[in-house]
Amino acid sequence: MIQYIFSRVYKATRNMLAVLNKFLSKATCNIIFYGQNVEHKDYSTIGIPFVSVTIGGEFKIGRNLKMNNTLAGNPIGRSQRCIFFVNKNAQLIIGNNVGISQTAIVCHKQIIIGDYVKIGGGTCIYDTDFHSIDPNIRKNPKMDRAQKANSAVVIKDNAFIGANSTILKGVTIGENSVIGACSLVTKSVPDNEIWAGNPAKFVKAVHVNNNIQLSIY
């Protein structure tokens, strides 16, 4: 009986703290977005993301973004917060009704995410190699930064990226397509397909009836 009462009080207190934390997270996130010159509309957030937009970079967020940055918001074992880095002259655009959990997006050229995209916890999206593949160039930091390869990433409407996946430069994820958890995507995925693995490969087609995705994986 005592444990039952304690459990009820504990859960009520936890829920009140969660509401307070959500309010404080939103207020802090607003300050960060304005400070980093992020163009945004309505959104919700659990926890506080890391945001860095270099002068000359562009970061736009559409309507109804839902963002998880904490273990409490998405308790699947991927406990990093969301990371958004936009380099000088780069462009990061996130569409409408997108859900992102504990995802790192590093943009050195262009990353475009369409509408109704779901991105699972621990996912990383990079449009750059970060470094040259030539070991002699890597010895010189200035040359290394200047000669790294960058290529745009596009994730089309209704795509679903499974947890802990990595999307590399130059990749397009097709409309309605699904990337299985823990996949490494090194080449573009057509519309309406499921890909998985390291490197990711075709698994099967996604069947769409009346605009509702009915995939079983």
N, C-alpha and C. Protein backbone atom coordinates (compact mmCIF):
# COMPACT_ATOMS: atom_id res chain seq x y z
N MET A 1 0.82 -1.20 0.00
CA MET A 1 0.00 0.00 0.00
C MET A 1 0.86 1.26 0.00
N ILE A 2 1.89 1.26 0.85
CA ILE A 2 2.78 2.41 0.92
C ILE A 2 3.50 2.62 -0.42
N GLN A 3 3.95 1.51 -0.99
CA GLN A 3 4.64 1.62 -2.28
C GLN A 3 3.69 2.12 -3.36
N TYR A 4 2.43 1.69 -3.33
CA TYR A 4 1.45 2.15 -4.31
C TYR A 4 1.24 3.65 -4.22
N ILE A 5 1.08 4.15 -2.98
CA ILE A 5 0.88 5.60 -2.78
C ILE A 5 2.11 6.37 -3.23
N PHE A 6 3.29 5.86 -2.86
CA PHE A 6 4.53 6.52 -3.26
C PHE A 6 4.66 6.56 -4.78
N SER A 7 4.29 5.45 -5.42
CA SER A 7 4.37 5.38 -6.89
C SER A 7 3.46 6.41 -7.54
N ARG A 8 2.23 6.58 -6.99
CA ARG A 8 1.30 7.56 -7.54
C ARG A 8 1.83 8.98 -7.39
N VAL A 9 2.39 9.27 -6.22
CA VAL A 9 2.95 10.61 -5.97
C VAL A 9 4.16 10.84 -6.87
N TYR A 10 4.99 9.83 -6.98
CA TYR A 10 6.19 9.93 -7.83
C TYR A 10 5.82 10.23 -9.28
N LYS A 11 4.83 9.49 -9.80
CA LYS A 11 4.44 9.67 -11.20
C LYS A 11 3.78 11.03 -11.43
N ALA A 12 2.97 11.49 -10.46
CA ALA A 12 2.35 12.80 -10.59
C ALA A 12 3.41 13.90 -10.59
N THR A 13 4.39 13.76 -9.72
CA THR A 13 5.48 14.74 -9.66
C THR A 13 6.29 14.73 -10.95
N ARG A 14 6.56 13.53 -11.45
CA ARG A 14 7.32 13.40 -12.69
C ARG A 14 6.57 14.04 -13.86
N ASN A 15 5.25 13.86 -13.91
CA ASN A 15 4.46 14.46 -14.98
C ASN A 15 4.47 15.98 -14.91
N MET A 16 4.37 16.53 -13.70
CA MET A 16 4.42 17.98 -13.54
C MET A 16 5.77 18.53 -13.97
N LEU A 17 6.84 17.84 -13.59
CA LEU A 17 8.18 18.27 -13.99
C LEU A 17 8.36 18.18 -15.50
N ALA A 18 7.76 17.17 -16.12
CA ALA A 18 7.85 17.03 -17.58
C ALA A 18 7.18 18.20 -18.28
N VAL A 19 6.02 18.63 -17.77
CA VAL A 19 5.32 19.77 -18.36
C VAL A 19 6.16 21.03 -18.21
N LEU A 20 6.73 21.24 -17.02
CA LEU A 20 7.58 22.41 -16.79
C LEU A 20 8.81 22.37 -17.69
N ASN A 21 9.42 21.20 -17.80
CA ASN A 21 10.61 21.07 -18.64
C ASN A 21 10.30 21.33 -20.10
N LYS A 22 9.11 20.89 -20.56
CA LYS A 22 8.72 21.12 -21.95
C LYS A 22 8.57 22.62 -22.22
N PHE A 23 7.97 23.33 -21.26
CA PHE A 23 7.82 24.78 -21.40
C PHE A 23 9.18 25.47 -21.45
N LEU A 24 10.07 25.11 -20.53
CA LEU A 24 11.40 25.73 -20.48
C LEU A 24 12.22 25.37 -21.72
N SER A 25 12.07 24.13 -22.20
CA SER A 25 12.79 23.71 -23.41
C SER A 25 12.36 24.54 -24.61
N LYS A 26 11.05 24.75 -24.76
CA LYS A 26 10.53 25.53 -25.88
C LYS A 26 11.03 26.97 -25.80
N ALA A 27 11.01 27.56 -24.60
CA ALA A 27 11.47 28.94 -24.44
C ALA A 27 12.95 29.06 -24.79
N THR A 28 13.75 28.10 -24.32
CA THR A 28 15.18 28.13 -24.61
C THR A 28 15.44 27.91 -26.09
N CYS A 29 14.68 26.99 -26.69
CA CYS A 29 14.85 26.70 -28.12
C CYS A 29 14.48 27.91 -28.97
N ASN A 30 13.45 28.65 -28.56
CA ASN A 30 13.09 29.88 -29.28
C ASN A 30 14.26 30.87 -29.30
N ILE A 31 14.90 31.02 -28.14
CA ILE A 31 16.05 31.92 -28.05
C ILE A 31 17.17 31.46 -28.98
N ILE A 32 17.43 30.15 -28.97
CA ILE A 32 18.49 29.60 -29.83
C ILE A 32 18.16 29.81 -31.30
N PHE A 33 16.92 29.53 -31.69
CA PHE A 33 16.53 29.70 -33.09
C PHE A 33 16.66 31.16 -33.54
N TYR A 34 16.21 32.07 -32.71
CA TYR A 34 16.33 33.48 -33.07
C TYR A 34 17.79 33.91 -33.10
N GLY A 35 18.57 33.45 -32.13
CA GLY A 35 19.98 33.80 -32.09
C GLY A 35 20.77 33.26 -33.26
N GLN A 36 20.36 32.09 -33.76
CA GLN A 36 21.05 31.46 -34.89
C GLN A 36 20.39 31.81 -36.23
N ASN A 37 19.41 32.71 -36.21
CA ASN A 37 18.73 33.17 -37.42
C ASN A 37 18.06 32.02 -38.17
N VAL A 38 17.42 31.13 -37.42
CA VAL A 38 16.70 30.00 -38.01
C VAL A 38 15.27 30.45 -38.34
N GLU A 39 14.87 30.29 -39.59
CA GLU A 39 13.50 30.62 -39.99
C GLU A 39 12.60 29.44 -39.64
N HIS A 40 11.63 29.68 -38.76
CA HIS A 40 10.81 28.56 -38.28
C HIS A 40 9.37 28.99 -38.07
N LYS A 41 8.50 27.98 -38.02
CA LYS A 41 7.08 28.21 -37.75
C LYS A 41 6.75 27.48 -36.45
N ASP A 42 5.55 26.95 -36.32
CA ASP A 42 5.18 26.25 -35.09
C ASP A 42 5.92 24.93 -34.99
N TYR A 43 6.31 24.57 -33.79
CA TYR A 43 7.03 23.32 -33.57
C TYR A 43 6.87 22.92 -32.11
N SER A 44 7.19 21.68 -31.80
CA SER A 44 7.23 21.22 -30.42
C SER A 44 8.57 20.54 -30.18
N THR A 45 9.05 20.61 -28.96
CA THR A 45 10.35 20.01 -28.65
C THR A 45 10.35 19.44 -27.24
N ILE A 46 10.99 18.31 -27.09
CA ILE A 46 11.31 17.75 -25.78
C ILE A 46 12.81 17.85 -25.65
N GLY A 47 13.28 18.67 -24.73
CA GLY A 47 14.70 18.92 -24.60
C GLY A 47 15.18 20.01 -25.55
N ILE A 48 16.47 20.28 -25.49
CA ILE A 48 17.07 21.40 -26.20
C ILE A 48 18.09 20.89 -27.21
N PRO A 49 17.95 21.24 -28.49
CA PRO A 49 18.92 20.80 -29.50
C PRO A 49 20.19 21.64 -29.48
N PHE A 50 21.22 21.14 -30.15
CA PHE A 50 22.41 21.94 -30.44
C PHE A 50 22.22 22.51 -31.84
N VAL A 51 22.33 23.83 -31.96
CA VAL A 51 22.13 24.50 -33.26
C VAL A 51 23.30 25.44 -33.50
N SER A 52 23.93 25.31 -34.67
CA SER A 52 25.01 26.21 -35.06
C SER A 52 24.87 26.52 -36.55
N VAL A 53 24.56 27.79 -36.85
CA VAL A 53 24.43 28.23 -38.24
C VAL A 53 25.48 29.31 -38.48
N THR A 54 26.47 28.98 -39.30
CA THR A 54 27.53 29.93 -39.61
C THR A 54 26.97 31.12 -40.39
N ILE A 55 27.54 32.29 -40.21
CA ILE A 55 27.11 33.46 -40.96
C ILE A 55 27.19 33.16 -42.46
N GLY A 56 26.09 33.38 -43.16
CA GLY A 56 26.01 33.03 -44.58
C GLY A 56 25.29 31.72 -44.82
N GLY A 57 25.07 30.93 -43.75
CA GLY A 57 24.30 29.69 -43.86
C GLY A 57 22.81 29.96 -43.73
N GLU A 58 22.00 29.03 -44.19
CA GLU A 58 20.55 29.19 -44.16
C GLU A 58 19.89 27.93 -43.58
N PHE A 59 19.02 28.13 -42.59
CA PHE A 59 18.32 27.02 -41.95
C PHE A 59 16.84 27.40 -41.86
N LYS A 60 15.98 26.63 -42.57
CA LYS A 60 14.55 26.89 -42.58
C LYS A 60 13.80 25.64 -42.11
N ILE A 61 12.80 25.86 -41.26
CA ILE A 61 11.98 24.78 -40.73
C ILE A 61 10.52 25.06 -41.06
N GLY A 62 9.79 24.07 -41.60
CA GLY A 62 8.39 24.24 -41.93
C GLY A 62 7.48 24.11 -40.73
N ARG A 63 6.21 23.90 -40.99
CA ARG A 63 5.19 23.82 -39.94
C ARG A 63 5.23 22.48 -39.21
N ASN A 64 4.92 22.55 -37.92
CA ASN A 64 4.63 21.36 -37.11
C ASN A 64 5.80 20.38 -37.01
N LEU A 65 6.99 20.89 -36.83
CA LEU A 65 8.14 20.02 -36.53
C LEU A 65 7.97 19.45 -35.13
N LYS A 66 8.20 18.16 -34.99
CA LYS A 66 8.20 17.51 -33.67
C LYS A 66 9.61 16.96 -33.44
N MET A 67 10.22 17.40 -32.34
CA MET A 67 11.64 17.13 -32.12
C MET A 67 11.86 16.55 -30.73
N ASN A 68 12.56 15.42 -30.66
CA ASN A 68 12.95 14.81 -29.40
C ASN A 68 14.45 14.94 -29.22
N ASN A 69 14.87 15.44 -28.06
CA ASN A 69 16.29 15.63 -27.77
C ASN A 69 16.77 14.89 -26.53
N THR A 70 15.89 14.11 -25.91
CA THR A 70 16.24 13.48 -24.65
C THR A 70 15.87 12.00 -24.64
N LEU A 71 16.44 11.30 -23.71
CA LEU A 71 16.09 9.89 -23.52
C LEU A 71 14.63 9.75 -23.11
N ALA A 72 14.14 10.68 -22.29
CA ALA A 72 12.75 10.63 -21.85
C ALA A 72 11.80 10.80 -23.03
N GLY A 73 12.19 11.63 -24.00
CA GLY A 73 11.33 11.86 -25.15
C GLY A 73 11.31 10.71 -26.14
N ASN A 74 12.36 9.87 -26.11
CA ASN A 74 12.44 8.76 -27.07
C ASN A 74 13.33 7.68 -26.47
N PRO A 75 12.82 6.91 -25.51
CA PRO A 75 13.65 5.98 -24.75
C PRO A 75 13.98 4.70 -25.50
N ILE A 76 14.83 4.83 -26.53
CA ILE A 76 15.21 3.64 -27.32
C ILE A 76 16.72 3.39 -27.25
N GLY A 77 17.42 4.11 -26.35
CA GLY A 77 18.85 3.88 -26.19
C GLY A 77 19.74 4.78 -27.01
N ARG A 78 19.17 5.76 -27.73
CA ARG A 78 19.95 6.73 -28.50
C ARG A 78 19.80 8.07 -27.79
N SER A 79 20.67 8.37 -26.85
CA SER A 79 20.40 9.45 -25.91
C SER A 79 21.03 10.79 -26.26
N GLN A 80 21.58 10.97 -27.48
CA GLN A 80 22.10 12.28 -27.85
C GLN A 80 20.96 13.24 -28.13
N ARG A 81 21.22 14.53 -28.06
CA ARG A 81 20.22 15.50 -28.48
C ARG A 81 20.37 15.75 -29.98
N CYS A 82 19.36 16.39 -30.57
CA CYS A 82 19.46 16.74 -31.98
C CYS A 82 20.58 17.74 -32.20
N ILE A 83 21.26 17.59 -33.33
CA ILE A 83 22.36 18.48 -33.71
C ILE A 83 22.08 19.00 -35.11
N PHE A 84 22.09 20.33 -35.24
CA PHE A 84 21.92 20.97 -36.54
C PHE A 84 23.12 21.89 -36.77
N PHE A 85 23.95 21.55 -37.74
CA PHE A 85 25.09 22.40 -38.08
C PHE A 85 24.99 22.79 -39.54
N VAL A 86 25.02 24.09 -39.79
CA VAL A 86 24.93 24.61 -41.16
C VAL A 86 26.15 25.49 -41.42
N ASN A 87 26.95 25.09 -42.37
CA ASN A 87 28.20 25.81 -42.67
C ASN A 87 27.92 27.05 -43.52
N LYS A 88 28.94 27.87 -43.70
CA LYS A 88 28.83 29.08 -44.52
C LYS A 88 28.38 28.72 -45.94
N ASN A 89 27.39 29.48 -46.44
CA ASN A 89 26.84 29.31 -47.80
C ASN A 89 26.09 27.99 -47.99
N ALA A 90 25.84 27.26 -46.91
CA ALA A 90 25.09 26.00 -47.00
C ALA A 90 23.61 26.25 -46.70
N GLN A 91 22.78 25.30 -47.08
CA GLN A 91 21.33 25.45 -46.92
C GLN A 91 20.72 24.17 -46.37
N LEU A 92 20.04 24.29 -45.23
CA LEU A 92 19.31 23.18 -44.62
C LEU A 92 17.83 23.55 -44.57
N ILE A 93 17.00 22.75 -45.23
CA ILE A 93 15.57 23.01 -45.27
C ILE A 93 14.83 21.77 -44.78
N ILE A 94 13.98 21.95 -43.78
CA ILE A 94 13.14 20.89 -43.24
C ILE A 94 11.69 21.24 -43.53
N GLY A 95 10.95 20.31 -44.12
CA GLY A 95 9.58 20.57 -44.56
C GLY A 95 8.57 20.56 -43.44
N ASN A 96 7.32 20.34 -43.81
CA ASN A 96 6.20 20.37 -42.86
C ASN A 96 5.94 18.98 -42.27
N ASN A 97 5.49 18.99 -41.00
CA ASN A 97 5.05 17.75 -40.33
C ASN A 97 6.16 16.70 -40.27
N VAL A 98 7.35 17.15 -39.96
CA VAL A 98 8.51 16.26 -39.85
C VAL A 98 8.74 15.88 -38.39
N GLY A 99 9.08 14.62 -38.14
CA GLY A 99 9.43 14.15 -36.81
C GLY A 99 10.90 13.74 -36.76
N ILE A 100 11.63 14.29 -35.80
CA ILE A 100 13.07 14.02 -35.68
C ILE A 100 13.39 13.66 -34.23
N SER A 101 14.08 12.56 -34.03
CA SER A 101 14.51 12.17 -32.69
C SER A 101 16.02 12.03 -32.66
N GLN A 102 16.67 12.81 -31.79
CA GLN A 102 18.09 12.62 -31.47
C GLN A 102 18.94 12.41 -32.73
N THR A 103 18.74 13.28 -33.68
CA THR A 103 19.36 13.17 -35.00
C THR A 103 20.42 14.24 -35.20
N ALA A 104 21.54 13.88 -35.83
CA ALA A 104 22.59 14.84 -36.17
C ALA A 104 22.53 15.13 -37.66
N ILE A 105 22.34 16.41 -38.02
CA ILE A 105 22.32 16.84 -39.41
C ILE A 105 23.44 17.85 -39.61
N VAL A 106 24.43 17.48 -40.40
CA VAL A 106 25.59 18.34 -40.66
C VAL A 106 25.58 18.73 -42.12
N CYS A 107 25.41 20.03 -42.37
CA CYS A 107 25.17 20.54 -43.72
C CYS A 107 26.30 21.48 -44.14
N HIS A 108 27.09 21.05 -45.12
CA HIS A 108 28.15 21.89 -45.68
C HIS A 108 27.79 22.40 -47.07
N LYS A 109 26.74 21.86 -47.67
CA LYS A 109 26.30 22.33 -48.99
C LYS A 109 24.79 22.51 -49.02
N GLN A 110 24.05 21.40 -49.07
CA GLN A 110 22.59 21.49 -49.07
C GLN A 110 21.98 20.16 -48.62
N ILE A 111 21.05 20.26 -47.67
CA ILE A 111 20.25 19.12 -47.24
C ILE A 111 18.79 19.57 -47.24
N ILE A 112 17.96 18.83 -47.97
CA ILE A 112 16.54 19.15 -48.06
C ILE A 112 15.74 17.95 -47.57
N ILE A 113 14.87 18.17 -46.59
CA ILE A 113 14.03 17.13 -46.03
C ILE A 113 12.58 17.49 -46.33
N GLY A 114 11.84 16.59 -46.97
CA GLY A 114 10.49 16.87 -47.42
C GLY A 114 9.46 16.83 -46.30
N ASP A 115 8.19 16.78 -46.69
CA ASP A 115 7.08 16.76 -45.74
C ASP A 115 6.81 15.35 -45.22
N TYR A 116 6.32 15.28 -43.99
CA TYR A 116 5.90 14.03 -43.36
C TYR A 116 7.03 12.99 -43.30
N VAL A 117 8.24 13.46 -43.15
CA VAL A 117 9.40 12.56 -43.00
C VAL A 117 9.57 12.21 -41.53
N LYS A 118 9.90 10.95 -41.23
CA LYS A 118 10.18 10.50 -39.87
C LYS A 118 11.64 10.04 -39.82
N ILE A 119 12.38 10.58 -38.85
CA ILE A 119 13.80 10.25 -38.73
C ILE A 119 14.05 9.70 -37.33
N GLY A 120 14.50 8.45 -37.26
CA GLY A 120 14.64 7.74 -36.00
C GLY A 120 15.85 8.17 -35.18
N GLY A 121 15.82 7.80 -33.90
CA GLY A 121 16.85 8.19 -32.95
C GLY A 121 18.24 7.73 -33.35
N GLY A 122 19.21 8.63 -33.16
CA GLY A 122 20.60 8.30 -33.43
C GLY A 122 21.01 8.39 -34.88
N THR A 123 20.10 8.83 -35.76
CA THR A 123 20.43 8.95 -37.18
C THR A 123 21.39 10.11 -37.42
N CYS A 124 22.31 9.94 -38.39
CA CYS A 124 23.23 10.99 -38.79
C CYS A 124 23.08 11.23 -40.29
N ILE A 125 23.01 12.50 -40.68
CA ILE A 125 22.88 12.87 -42.09
C ILE A 125 24.00 13.85 -42.42
N TYR A 126 24.87 13.47 -43.35
CA TYR A 126 26.03 14.28 -43.71
C TYR A 126 26.05 14.52 -45.22
N ASP A 127 26.25 15.78 -45.62
CA ASP A 127 26.42 16.05 -47.05
C ASP A 127 27.88 16.35 -47.39
N THR A 128 28.77 15.90 -46.54
CA THR A 128 30.20 16.17 -46.71
C THR A 128 31.02 14.97 -46.25
N ASP A 129 32.24 14.86 -46.81
CA ASP A 129 33.18 13.85 -46.33
C ASP A 129 34.01 14.35 -45.15
N PHE A 130 33.89 15.64 -44.82
CA PHE A 130 34.62 16.29 -43.73
C PHE A 130 36.11 16.47 -44.02
N HIS A 131 36.72 15.48 -44.65
CA HIS A 131 38.16 15.51 -44.94
C HIS A 131 38.42 15.00 -46.35
N SER A 132 39.59 15.35 -46.89
CA SER A 132 40.02 14.82 -48.18
C SER A 132 40.37 13.34 -48.03
N ILE A 133 40.21 12.58 -49.12
CA ILE A 133 40.64 11.18 -49.08
C ILE A 133 42.13 11.04 -49.38
N ASP A 134 42.78 12.13 -49.77
CA ASP A 134 44.21 12.13 -50.04
C ASP A 134 44.97 12.37 -48.74
N PRO A 135 45.78 11.41 -48.29
CA PRO A 135 46.46 11.56 -47.00
C PRO A 135 47.43 12.73 -46.96
N ASN A 136 48.02 13.08 -48.09
CA ASN A 136 48.94 14.21 -48.12
C ASN A 136 48.20 15.54 -47.92
N ILE A 137 47.01 15.63 -48.49
CA ILE A 137 46.20 16.84 -48.30
C ILE A 137 45.74 16.94 -46.85
N ARG A 138 45.42 15.82 -46.24
CA ARG A 138 44.95 15.85 -44.85
C ARG A 138 46.00 16.35 -43.88
N LYS A 139 47.27 16.32 -44.28
CA LYS A 139 48.34 16.82 -43.42
C LYS A 139 48.29 18.34 -43.27
N ASN A 140 47.65 19.00 -44.22
CA ASN A 140 47.52 20.46 -44.19
C ASN A 140 46.06 20.80 -43.89
N PRO A 141 45.73 21.26 -42.67
CA PRO A 141 44.33 21.50 -42.30
C PRO A 141 43.60 22.45 -43.24
N LYS A 142 44.27 23.50 -43.70
CA LYS A 142 43.61 24.46 -44.59
C LYS A 142 43.26 23.81 -45.92
N MET A 143 44.20 23.08 -46.51
CA MET A 143 43.93 22.39 -47.77
C MET A 143 42.87 21.30 -47.57
N ASP A 144 42.95 20.63 -46.43
CA ASP A 144 42.00 19.55 -46.13
C ASP A 144 40.58 20.08 -46.13
N ARG A 145 40.35 21.22 -45.43
CA ARG A 145 39.02 21.82 -45.39
C ARG A 145 38.56 22.27 -46.77
N ALA A 146 39.49 22.82 -47.54
CA ALA A 146 39.14 23.38 -48.86
C ALA A 146 38.82 22.30 -49.88
N GLN A 147 39.41 21.12 -49.74
CA GLN A 147 39.27 20.10 -50.77
C GLN A 147 38.42 18.90 -50.36
N LYS A 148 37.71 19.03 -49.26
CA LYS A 148 36.77 17.96 -48.89
C LYS A 148 35.63 17.92 -49.90
N ALA A 149 35.06 16.76 -50.11
CA ALA A 149 33.97 16.59 -51.08
C ALA A 149 32.62 16.85 -50.41
N ASN A 150 31.80 17.69 -51.03
CA ASN A 150 30.44 17.98 -50.57
C ASN A 150 29.46 17.65 -51.69
N SER A 151 28.30 17.12 -51.34
CA SER A 151 27.27 16.84 -52.34
C SER A 151 25.91 16.78 -51.65
N ALA A 152 24.91 17.41 -52.24
CA ALA A 152 23.61 17.60 -51.60
C ALA A 152 22.92 16.28 -51.25
N VAL A 153 22.14 16.33 -50.16
CA VAL A 153 21.30 15.20 -49.73
C VAL A 153 19.84 15.64 -49.81
N VAL A 154 18.99 14.77 -50.36
CA VAL A 154 17.55 15.04 -50.44
C VAL A 154 16.81 13.85 -49.85
N ILE A 155 15.90 14.13 -48.92
CA ILE A 155 15.01 13.10 -48.37
C ILE A 155 13.59 13.51 -48.73
N LYS A 156 12.95 12.76 -49.59
CA LYS A 156 11.65 13.15 -50.16
C LYS A 156 10.50 12.87 -49.19
N ASP A 157 9.31 13.36 -49.57
CA ASP A 157 8.12 13.28 -48.74
C ASP A 157 7.83 11.84 -48.29
N ASN A 158 7.38 11.72 -47.05
CA ASN A 158 6.88 10.46 -46.47
C ASN A 158 7.96 9.40 -46.25
N ALA A 159 9.22 9.77 -46.42
CA ALA A 159 10.29 8.79 -46.16
C ALA A 159 10.40 8.52 -44.66
N PHE A 160 10.87 7.33 -44.33
CA PHE A 160 11.08 6.94 -42.93
C PHE A 160 12.50 6.40 -42.78
N ILE A 161 13.28 7.04 -41.93
CA ILE A 161 14.68 6.63 -41.70
C ILE A 161 14.75 5.93 -40.35
N GLY A 162 15.11 4.65 -40.34
CA GLY A 162 15.17 3.89 -39.10
C GLY A 162 16.29 4.35 -38.18
N ALA A 163 16.15 4.03 -36.90
CA ALA A 163 17.08 4.48 -35.86
C ALA A 163 18.52 4.10 -36.15
N ASN A 164 19.41 5.03 -35.81
CA ASN A 164 20.86 4.80 -35.87
C ASN A 164 21.39 4.59 -37.28
N SER A 165 20.65 5.07 -38.28
CA SER A 165 21.13 4.99 -39.66
C SER A 165 22.04 6.18 -39.97
N THR A 166 22.85 6.04 -41.02
CA THR A 166 23.71 7.12 -41.48
C THR A 166 23.48 7.34 -42.96
N ILE A 167 23.17 8.59 -43.33
CA ILE A 167 22.94 8.97 -44.72
C ILE A 167 24.15 9.80 -45.16
N LEU A 168 24.84 9.38 -46.20
CA LEU A 168 26.05 10.06 -46.63
C LEU A 168 25.78 11.00 -47.81
N LYS A 169 26.78 11.77 -48.15
CA LYS A 169 26.68 12.84 -49.15
C LYS A 169 26.18 12.30 -50.49
N GLY A 170 25.45 13.15 -51.23
CA GLY A 170 25.01 12.82 -52.57
C GLY A 170 23.82 11.89 -52.66
N VAL A 171 23.24 11.51 -51.52
CA VAL A 171 22.17 10.51 -51.50
C VAL A 171 20.80 11.20 -51.59
N THR A 172 19.91 10.61 -52.37
CA THR A 172 18.50 10.97 -52.37
C THR A 172 17.69 9.77 -51.88
N ILE A 173 16.84 10.00 -50.87
CA ILE A 173 15.94 8.97 -50.38
C ILE A 173 14.58 9.24 -51.01
N GLY A 174 14.04 8.26 -51.74
CA GLY A 174 12.83 8.46 -52.51
C GLY A 174 11.57 8.63 -51.68
N GLU A 175 10.53 9.13 -52.32
CA GLU A 175 9.24 9.33 -51.68
C GLU A 175 8.68 8.00 -51.19
N ASN A 176 8.18 8.01 -49.95
CA ASN A 176 7.57 6.83 -49.30
C ASN A 176 8.57 5.74 -48.94
N SER A 177 9.84 5.93 -49.21
CA SER A 177 10.81 4.86 -48.99
C SER A 177 11.19 4.73 -47.52
N VAL A 178 11.66 3.54 -47.16
CA VAL A 178 11.99 3.20 -45.77
C VAL A 178 13.44 2.73 -45.71
N ILE A 179 14.19 3.26 -44.74
CA ILE A 179 15.56 2.82 -44.48
C ILE A 179 15.56 2.05 -43.17
N GLY A 180 15.96 0.78 -43.21
CA GLY A 180 15.98 -0.05 -42.02
C GLY A 180 16.96 0.46 -40.97
N ALA A 181 16.70 0.15 -39.72
CA ALA A 181 17.53 0.62 -38.61
C ALA A 181 18.98 0.21 -38.80
N CYS A 182 19.89 1.10 -38.40
CA CYS A 182 21.34 0.86 -38.39
C CYS A 182 21.92 0.70 -39.80
N SER A 183 21.26 1.28 -40.79
CA SER A 183 21.75 1.17 -42.17
C SER A 183 22.76 2.28 -42.48
N LEU A 184 23.68 1.99 -43.39
CA LEU A 184 24.60 2.97 -43.94
C LEU A 184 24.22 3.18 -45.40
N VAL A 185 23.68 4.37 -45.70
CA VAL A 185 23.17 4.64 -47.05
C VAL A 185 24.22 5.42 -47.83
N THR A 186 24.79 4.78 -48.84
CA THR A 186 25.87 5.38 -49.62
C THR A 186 25.45 5.76 -51.03
N LYS A 187 24.25 5.30 -51.46
CA LYS A 187 23.77 5.65 -52.79
C LYS A 187 22.27 5.87 -52.74
N SER A 188 21.73 6.51 -53.76
CA SER A 188 20.34 6.95 -53.75
C SER A 188 19.36 5.78 -53.77
N VAL A 189 18.24 6.01 -53.09
CA VAL A 189 17.17 5.01 -52.95
C VAL A 189 15.97 5.50 -53.76
N PRO A 190 15.45 4.69 -54.69
CA PRO A 190 14.28 5.11 -55.47
C PRO A 190 13.02 5.28 -54.61
N ASP A 191 11.98 5.84 -55.19
CA ASP A 191 10.69 5.95 -54.50
C ASP A 191 10.14 4.56 -54.18
N ASN A 192 9.39 4.50 -53.06
CA ASN A 192 8.58 3.31 -52.74
C ASN A 192 9.39 2.02 -52.59
N GLU A 193 10.56 2.14 -51.96
CA GLU A 193 11.38 0.94 -51.72
C GLU A 193 11.89 0.91 -50.28
N ILE A 194 12.12 -0.31 -49.78
CA ILE A 194 12.75 -0.52 -48.48
C ILE A 194 14.19 -0.96 -48.71
N TRP A 195 15.11 -0.25 -48.09
CA TRP A 195 16.52 -0.59 -48.16
C TRP A 195 17.05 -0.77 -46.73
N ALA A 196 18.04 -1.66 -46.58
CA ALA A 196 18.63 -1.87 -45.26
C ALA A 196 20.01 -2.49 -45.42
N GLY A 197 20.84 -2.34 -44.38
CA GLY A 197 22.14 -2.99 -44.35
C GLY A 197 23.30 -2.01 -44.37
N ASN A 198 24.50 -2.57 -44.38
CA ASN A 198 25.74 -1.79 -44.40
C ASN A 198 26.69 -2.40 -45.43
N PRO A 199 26.77 -1.80 -46.64
CA PRO A 199 25.96 -0.66 -47.11
C PRO A 199 24.52 -1.08 -47.40
N ALA A 200 23.61 -0.10 -47.37
CA ALA A 200 22.19 -0.40 -47.57
C ALA A 200 21.93 -0.92 -48.99
N LYS A 201 21.06 -1.93 -49.06
CA LYS A 201 20.67 -2.52 -50.35
C LYS A 201 19.16 -2.69 -50.39
N PHE A 202 18.64 -2.87 -51.60
CA PHE A 202 17.21 -3.06 -51.78
C PHE A 202 16.72 -4.31 -51.05
N VAL A 203 15.60 -4.17 -50.32
CA VAL A 203 14.98 -5.30 -49.64
C VAL A 203 13.68 -5.69 -50.34
N LYS A 204 12.78 -4.74 -50.45
CA LYS A 204 11.51 -5.00 -51.15
C LYS A 204 10.80 -3.68 -51.38
N ALA A 205 9.69 -3.75 -52.11
CA ALA A 205 8.91 -2.55 -52.43
C ALA A 205 8.01 -2.17 -51.27
N VAL A 206 7.67 -0.89 -51.21
CA VAL A 206 6.66 -0.39 -50.28
C VAL A 206 5.34 -0.31 -51.03
N HIS A 207 4.29 -0.88 -50.45
CA HIS A 207 2.97 -0.86 -51.09
C HIS A 207 2.16 0.28 -50.49
N VAL A 208 1.66 1.15 -51.34
CA VAL A 208 0.90 2.32 -50.90
C VAL A 208 -0.51 2.23 -51.45
N ASN A 209 -1.50 2.21 -50.55
CA ASN A 209 -2.91 2.15 -50.95
C ASN A 209 -3.63 3.41 -50.46
N ASN A 210 -4.28 4.11 -51.37
CA ASN A 210 -5.03 5.32 -51.02
C ASN A 210 -4.17 6.32 -50.25
N ASN A 211 -2.90 6.44 -50.71
CA ASN A 211 -1.96 7.40 -50.11
C ASN A 211 -1.59 7.06 -48.67
N ILE A 212 -1.88 5.83 -48.22
CA ILE A 212 -1.47 5.41 -46.88
C ILE A 212 -0.39 4.34 -47.03
N GLN A 213 0.74 4.57 -46.39
CA GLN A 213 1.85 3.63 -46.51
C GLN A 213 1.55 2.39 -45.68
N LEU A 214 1.61 1.22 -46.32
CA LEU A 214 1.29 -0.04 -45.65
C LEU A 214 2.47 -1.00 -45.77
N SER A 215 3.61 -0.61 -45.27
CA SER A 215 4.80 -1.44 -45.40
C SER A 215 4.94 -2.34 -44.18
N ILE A 216 5.42 -3.55 -44.42
CA ILE A 216 5.73 -4.48 -43.33
C ILE A 216 7.18 -4.89 -43.49
N TYR A 217 7.96 -4.68 -42.43
CA TYR A 217 9.41 -4.97 -42.54
C TYR A 217 9.87 -5.85 -41.39
